[in-house]
Structure formats: structure tokens, C-alpha cells
């Protein structure tokens, strides 16, 4: 074999090894990420307690109509507070 052929074989082996290392690196990062997510999830459950950390049951209990009614109530409260503030501002402006 000539030097040129040996160099070509070495380069092709290096490329194969680089591709394998890249795939292994990506797999290692995915495993690392999943472990970190599970650790964070467990820590959140421990900090909040089992009763407070009910994300799945909360999502199942959502009713769109209840949300609309709640939003309307909150918007009405905001308008009432806004009107009170405007009245107070106008009253204070008229006194001076």
C-alpha cells in the first residue's frame, strides 16, 4: 500500500470514529437531560408537597365556561376599581 492509500484509510477511520463519538455525545446529553428533568420534578414535588403538586388533575378539571365566567368577573372588578380611581382623581382635582 502506498502512503496516499494509508492516509485515505486513516481519514475514513477518523470520520467514522467522529460520527460515532457525535452520536454517543448526543445520547449522553439526552440521558443527562432526562435525569435532570426527573430530579427537578422530584424536588418540586418534595418542596410543594403531594397535595399542592397536582398538575395532571388540574388540567383534567379545567372547564372553559368556568374560566370565561371568572375572567368576566375579574374584568368587571378592574373596571369598578378604575372608575373609583378616576372619581378620586377628579374629586381631588376639583378641590384644588
N, C-alpha and C. Protein backbone atom coordinates (compact mmCIF):
# COMPACT_ATOMS: atom_id res chain seq x y z
N UNK A 1 0.83 -1.18 0.00
CA UNK A 1 0.00 0.00 0.00
C UNK A 1 0.87 1.24 0.00
N UNK A 2 0.43 2.20 -0.71
CA UNK A 2 1.19 3.45 -0.76
C UNK A 2 0.81 4.36 0.40
N UNK A 3 1.61 5.39 0.55
CA UNK A 3 1.34 6.37 1.61
C UNK A 3 -0.02 7.03 1.42
N UNK A 4 -0.35 7.36 0.20
CA UNK A 4 -1.61 8.02 -0.10
C UNK A 4 -2.80 7.15 0.29
N UNK A 5 -2.74 5.88 -0.01
CA UNK A 5 -3.82 4.96 0.36
C UNK A 5 -3.94 4.83 1.87
N UNK A 6 -2.80 4.77 2.56
CA UNK A 6 -2.82 4.69 4.02
C UNK A 6 -3.46 5.93 4.62
N UNK A 7 -3.12 7.10 4.09
CA UNK A 7 -3.70 8.35 4.59
C UNK A 7 -5.21 8.39 4.35
N UNK A 8 -5.65 7.91 3.21
CA UNK A 8 -7.08 7.88 2.91
C UNK A 8 -7.81 6.95 3.87
N UNK A 9 -7.23 5.79 4.16
CA UNK A 9 -7.84 4.85 5.11
C UNK A 9 -7.89 5.46 6.52
N UNK A 10 -6.81 6.13 6.93
CA UNK A 10 -6.79 6.77 8.25
C UNK A 10 -7.88 7.83 8.36
N UNK A 11 -8.03 8.64 7.30
CA UNK A 11 -9.04 9.69 7.32
C UNK A 11 -10.45 9.11 7.37
N UNK A 12 -10.68 8.05 6.64
CA UNK A 12 -12.01 7.45 6.67
C UNK A 12 -12.31 6.84 8.03
N UNK A 13 -11.30 6.25 8.68
CA UNK A 13 -11.48 5.71 10.03
C UNK A 13 -11.77 6.84 11.02
N UNK A 14 -11.05 7.95 10.88
CA UNK A 14 -11.28 9.11 11.76
C UNK A 14 -12.69 9.64 11.60
N UNK A 15 -13.17 9.72 10.36
CA UNK A 15 -14.54 10.20 10.12
C UNK A 15 -15.56 9.29 10.79
N UNK A 16 -15.36 7.98 10.65
CA UNK A 16 -16.28 7.03 11.26
C UNK A 16 -16.26 7.18 12.78
N UNK A 17 -15.06 7.32 13.35
CA UNK A 17 -14.94 7.46 14.80
C UNK A 17 -15.59 8.77 15.25
N UNK A 18 -15.40 9.86 14.51
CA UNK A 18 -16.02 11.14 14.85
C UNK A 18 -17.54 11.03 14.84
N UNK A 19 -18.07 10.37 13.83
CA UNK A 19 -19.52 10.21 13.75
C UNK A 19 -20.04 9.40 14.94
N UNK A 20 -19.32 8.34 15.28
CA UNK A 20 -19.72 7.51 16.43
C UNK A 20 -19.66 8.33 17.72
N UNK A 21 -18.59 9.12 17.90
CA UNK A 21 -18.48 9.95 19.10
C UNK A 21 -19.57 11.01 19.15
N UNK A 22 -19.92 11.58 18.02
CA UNK A 22 -21.00 12.57 17.99
C UNK A 22 -22.32 11.95 18.41
N UNK A 23 -22.60 10.76 17.90
CA UNK A 23 -23.84 10.07 18.27
C UNK A 23 -23.84 9.73 19.75
N UNK A 24 -22.71 9.24 20.26
CA UNK A 24 -22.62 8.94 21.69
C UNK A 24 -22.78 10.19 22.54
N UNK A 25 -22.20 11.30 22.10
CA UNK A 25 -22.34 12.55 22.83
C UNK A 25 -23.80 12.99 22.89
N UNK A 26 -24.50 12.91 21.76
CA UNK A 26 -25.92 13.30 21.73
C UNK A 26 -26.74 12.40 22.65
N UNK A 27 -26.49 11.11 22.62
CA UNK A 27 -27.20 10.19 23.51
C UNK A 27 -26.91 10.49 24.97
N UNK A 28 -25.66 10.79 25.28
CA UNK A 28 -25.30 11.12 26.67
C UNK A 28 -26.00 12.39 27.13
N UNK A 29 -26.09 13.39 26.26
CA UNK A 29 -26.78 14.64 26.62
C UNK A 29 -28.27 14.41 26.81
N UNK A 30 -28.88 13.57 26.00
CA UNK A 30 -30.31 13.27 26.15
C UNK A 30 -30.55 12.57 27.48
N UNK A 31 -29.70 11.61 27.81
CA UNK A 31 -29.84 10.91 29.09
C UNK A 31 -29.64 11.87 30.24
N UNK A 32 -28.67 12.75 30.14
CA UNK A 32 -28.41 13.75 31.17
C UNK A 32 -29.61 14.67 31.35
N UNK A 33 -30.19 15.11 30.26
CA UNK A 33 -31.35 15.99 30.32
C UNK A 33 -32.54 15.31 30.98
N UNK A 34 -32.81 14.06 30.63
CA UNK A 34 -33.94 13.36 31.23
C UNK A 34 -33.73 13.15 32.73
N UNK A 35 -32.50 12.83 33.12
CA UNK A 35 -32.23 12.67 34.55
C UNK A 35 -32.43 13.99 35.29
N UNK A 36 -31.98 15.09 34.70
CA UNK A 36 -32.16 16.40 35.33
C UNK A 36 -33.64 16.76 35.45
N UNK A 37 -34.41 16.45 34.44
CA UNK A 37 -35.85 16.75 34.50
C UNK A 37 -36.51 15.95 35.60
N UNK A 38 -36.16 14.68 35.74
CA UNK A 38 -36.74 13.88 36.81
C UNK A 38 -36.31 14.38 38.18
N UNK A 39 -35.09 14.82 38.31
CA UNK A 39 -34.62 15.35 39.60
C UNK A 39 -35.37 16.63 39.94
N UNK A 40 -35.55 17.51 38.97
CA UNK A 40 -36.28 18.76 39.22
C UNK A 40 -37.72 18.47 39.56
N UNK A 41 -38.33 17.51 38.87
CA UNK A 41 -39.71 17.14 39.15
C UNK A 41 -39.85 16.60 40.57
N UNK A 42 -38.92 15.74 40.97
CA UNK A 42 -38.97 15.19 42.32
C UNK A 42 -38.76 16.29 43.37
N UNK A 43 -37.85 17.20 43.10
CA UNK A 43 -37.61 18.30 44.05
C UNK A 43 -38.84 19.19 44.17
N UNK A 44 -39.51 19.44 43.05
CA UNK A 44 -40.71 20.26 43.09
C UNK A 44 -41.80 19.56 43.90
N UNK A 45 -41.94 18.27 43.71
CA UNK A 45 -42.93 17.52 44.49
C UNK A 45 -42.60 17.56 45.97
N UNK A 46 -41.31 17.43 46.30
CA UNK A 46 -40.90 17.46 47.70
C UNK A 46 -41.13 18.83 48.32
N UNK A 47 -40.85 19.90 47.57
CA UNK A 47 -41.00 21.25 48.10
C UNK A 47 -42.46 21.64 48.25
N UNK A 48 -43.27 21.34 47.25
CA UNK A 48 -44.66 21.76 47.26
C UNK A 48 -45.56 20.81 48.02
N UNK A 49 -45.14 19.60 48.19
CA UNK A 49 -45.97 18.59 48.85
C UNK A 49 -46.82 17.86 47.83
N UNK A 50 -47.33 16.74 48.23
CA UNK A 50 -48.08 15.91 47.29
C UNK A 50 -49.43 16.54 46.94
N UNK A 51 -50.02 17.30 47.87
CA UNK A 51 -51.33 17.91 47.58
C UNK A 51 -51.22 19.11 46.67
N UNK A 52 -50.17 19.88 46.80
CA UNK A 52 -50.04 21.11 46.02
C UNK A 52 -49.57 20.84 44.60
N UNK A 53 -48.94 19.73 44.41
CA UNK A 53 -48.37 19.44 43.08
C UNK A 53 -49.29 18.47 42.35
N UNK A 54 -50.41 19.00 41.89
CA UNK A 54 -51.40 18.18 41.18
C UNK A 54 -51.64 18.75 39.80
N UNK A 55 -50.62 18.81 39.01
CA UNK A 55 -50.73 19.40 37.68
C UNK A 55 -51.65 18.60 36.78
N UNK A 56 -51.52 17.29 36.78
CA UNK A 56 -52.34 16.46 35.89
C UNK A 56 -53.82 16.54 36.25
N UNK A 57 -54.15 16.49 37.53
CA UNK A 57 -55.56 16.56 37.91
C UNK A 57 -56.11 17.97 37.65
N UNK A 58 -55.26 18.98 37.75
CA UNK A 58 -55.71 20.34 37.46
C UNK A 58 -56.08 20.49 35.99
N UNK A 59 -55.28 19.94 35.12
CA UNK A 59 -55.55 20.04 33.69
C UNK A 59 -56.85 19.33 33.34
N UNK A 60 -57.13 18.21 33.97
CA UNK A 60 -58.35 17.48 33.69
C UNK A 60 -59.59 18.20 34.21
N UNK A 61 -59.44 18.99 35.26
CA UNK A 61 -60.58 19.67 35.87
C UNK A 61 -60.91 21.01 35.23
N UNK A 62 -60.17 21.44 34.25
CA UNK A 62 -60.40 22.74 33.65
C UNK A 62 -61.68 22.72 32.84
N UNK A 63 -62.51 23.72 33.10
CA UNK A 63 -63.75 23.87 32.35
C UNK A 63 -63.71 25.26 31.71
N UNK A 64 -63.88 25.33 30.41
CA UNK A 64 -63.75 26.59 29.69
C UNK A 64 -64.80 27.59 30.15
N UNK A 65 -66.01 27.14 30.41
CA UNK A 65 -67.07 28.06 30.83
C UNK A 65 -66.74 28.70 32.17
N UNK A 66 -66.16 27.93 33.09
CA UNK A 66 -65.78 28.50 34.37
C UNK A 66 -64.70 29.56 34.20
N UNK A 67 -63.79 29.31 33.29
CA UNK A 67 -62.72 30.28 33.04
C UNK A 67 -63.31 31.57 32.47
N UNK A 68 -64.27 31.46 31.55
CA UNK A 68 -64.90 32.65 30.97
C UNK A 68 -65.62 33.46 32.04
N UNK A 69 -66.34 32.77 32.91
CA UNK A 69 -67.08 33.46 33.98
C UNK A 69 -66.10 34.15 34.91
N UNK A 70 -65.04 33.47 35.29
CA UNK A 70 -64.02 34.06 36.16
C UNK A 70 -63.38 35.28 35.53
N UNK A 71 -63.06 35.19 34.24
CA UNK A 71 -62.45 36.32 33.55
C UNK A 71 -63.40 37.51 33.50
N UNK A 72 -64.67 37.27 33.24
CA UNK A 72 -65.66 38.36 33.21
C UNK A 72 -65.77 39.02 34.58
N UNK A 73 -65.77 38.22 35.63
CA UNK A 73 -65.85 38.78 36.99
C UNK A 73 -64.62 39.65 37.28
N UNK A 74 -63.45 39.17 36.94
CA UNK A 74 -62.22 39.92 37.19
C UNK A 74 -62.18 41.21 36.37
N UNK A 75 -62.64 41.14 35.13
CA UNK A 75 -62.66 42.34 34.29
C UNK A 75 -63.63 43.37 34.87
N UNK A 76 -64.78 42.92 35.35
CA UNK A 76 -65.73 43.85 35.97
C UNK A 76 -65.14 44.48 37.22
N UNK A 77 -64.43 43.70 38.01
CA UNK A 77 -63.77 44.26 39.20
C UNK A 77 -62.74 45.31 38.80
N UNK A 78 -62.00 45.05 37.75
CA UNK A 78 -61.00 46.02 37.29
C UNK A 78 -61.66 47.32 36.85
N UNK A 79 -62.77 47.20 36.11
CA UNK A 79 -63.48 48.41 35.69
C UNK A 79 -64.01 49.20 36.89
N UNK A 80 -64.50 48.51 37.91
CA UNK A 80 -65.00 49.19 39.10
C UNK A 80 -63.88 49.94 39.82
N UNK A 81 -62.74 49.30 39.96
CA UNK A 81 -61.60 49.94 40.62
C UNK A 81 -61.11 51.12 39.79
N UNK A 82 -61.09 50.96 38.48
CA UNK A 82 -60.67 52.04 37.59
C UNK A 82 -61.60 53.25 37.75
N UNK A 83 -62.91 52.99 37.79
CA UNK A 83 -63.88 54.08 37.97
C UNK A 83 -63.68 54.78 39.31
N UNK A 84 -63.41 54.01 40.36
CA UNK A 84 -63.17 54.61 41.67
C UNK A 84 -61.93 55.51 41.64
N UNK A 85 -60.90 55.05 41.00
CA UNK A 85 -59.66 55.83 40.93
C UNK A 85 -59.89 57.12 40.14
N UNK A 86 -60.64 57.02 39.06
CA UNK A 86 -60.93 58.22 38.26
C UNK A 86 -61.75 59.20 39.06
N UNK A 87 -62.74 58.72 39.80
CA UNK A 87 -63.56 59.60 40.63
C UNK A 87 -62.72 60.28 41.70
N UNK A 88 -61.83 59.49 42.35
CA UNK A 88 -60.97 60.08 43.37
C UNK A 88 -60.04 61.13 42.77
N UNK A 89 -59.53 60.88 41.62
CA UNK A 89 -58.65 61.84 40.95
C UNK A 89 -59.41 63.10 40.59
N UNK A 90 -60.63 62.93 40.05
CA UNK A 90 -61.44 64.10 39.69
C UNK A 90 -61.84 64.90 40.93
N UNK A 91 -62.17 64.21 42.02
CA UNK A 91 -62.54 64.90 43.26
C UNK A 91 -61.35 65.67 43.82
N UNK A 92 -60.19 65.09 43.79
CA UNK A 92 -59.01 65.78 44.32
C UNK A 92 -58.61 66.94 43.42
N UNK A 93 -58.85 66.82 42.14
CA UNK A 93 -58.53 67.88 41.21
C UNK A 93 -59.52 69.06 41.38
N UNK A 94 -60.78 68.75 41.63
CA UNK A 94 -61.79 69.79 41.82
C UNK A 94 -61.59 70.55 43.12
N UNK A 95 -61.05 69.91 44.13
CA UNK A 95 -60.85 70.56 45.42
C UNK A 95 -59.73 71.58 45.36
N UNK A 96 -58.79 71.39 44.48
CA UNK A 96 -57.67 72.33 44.45
C UNK A 96 -57.90 73.46 43.53
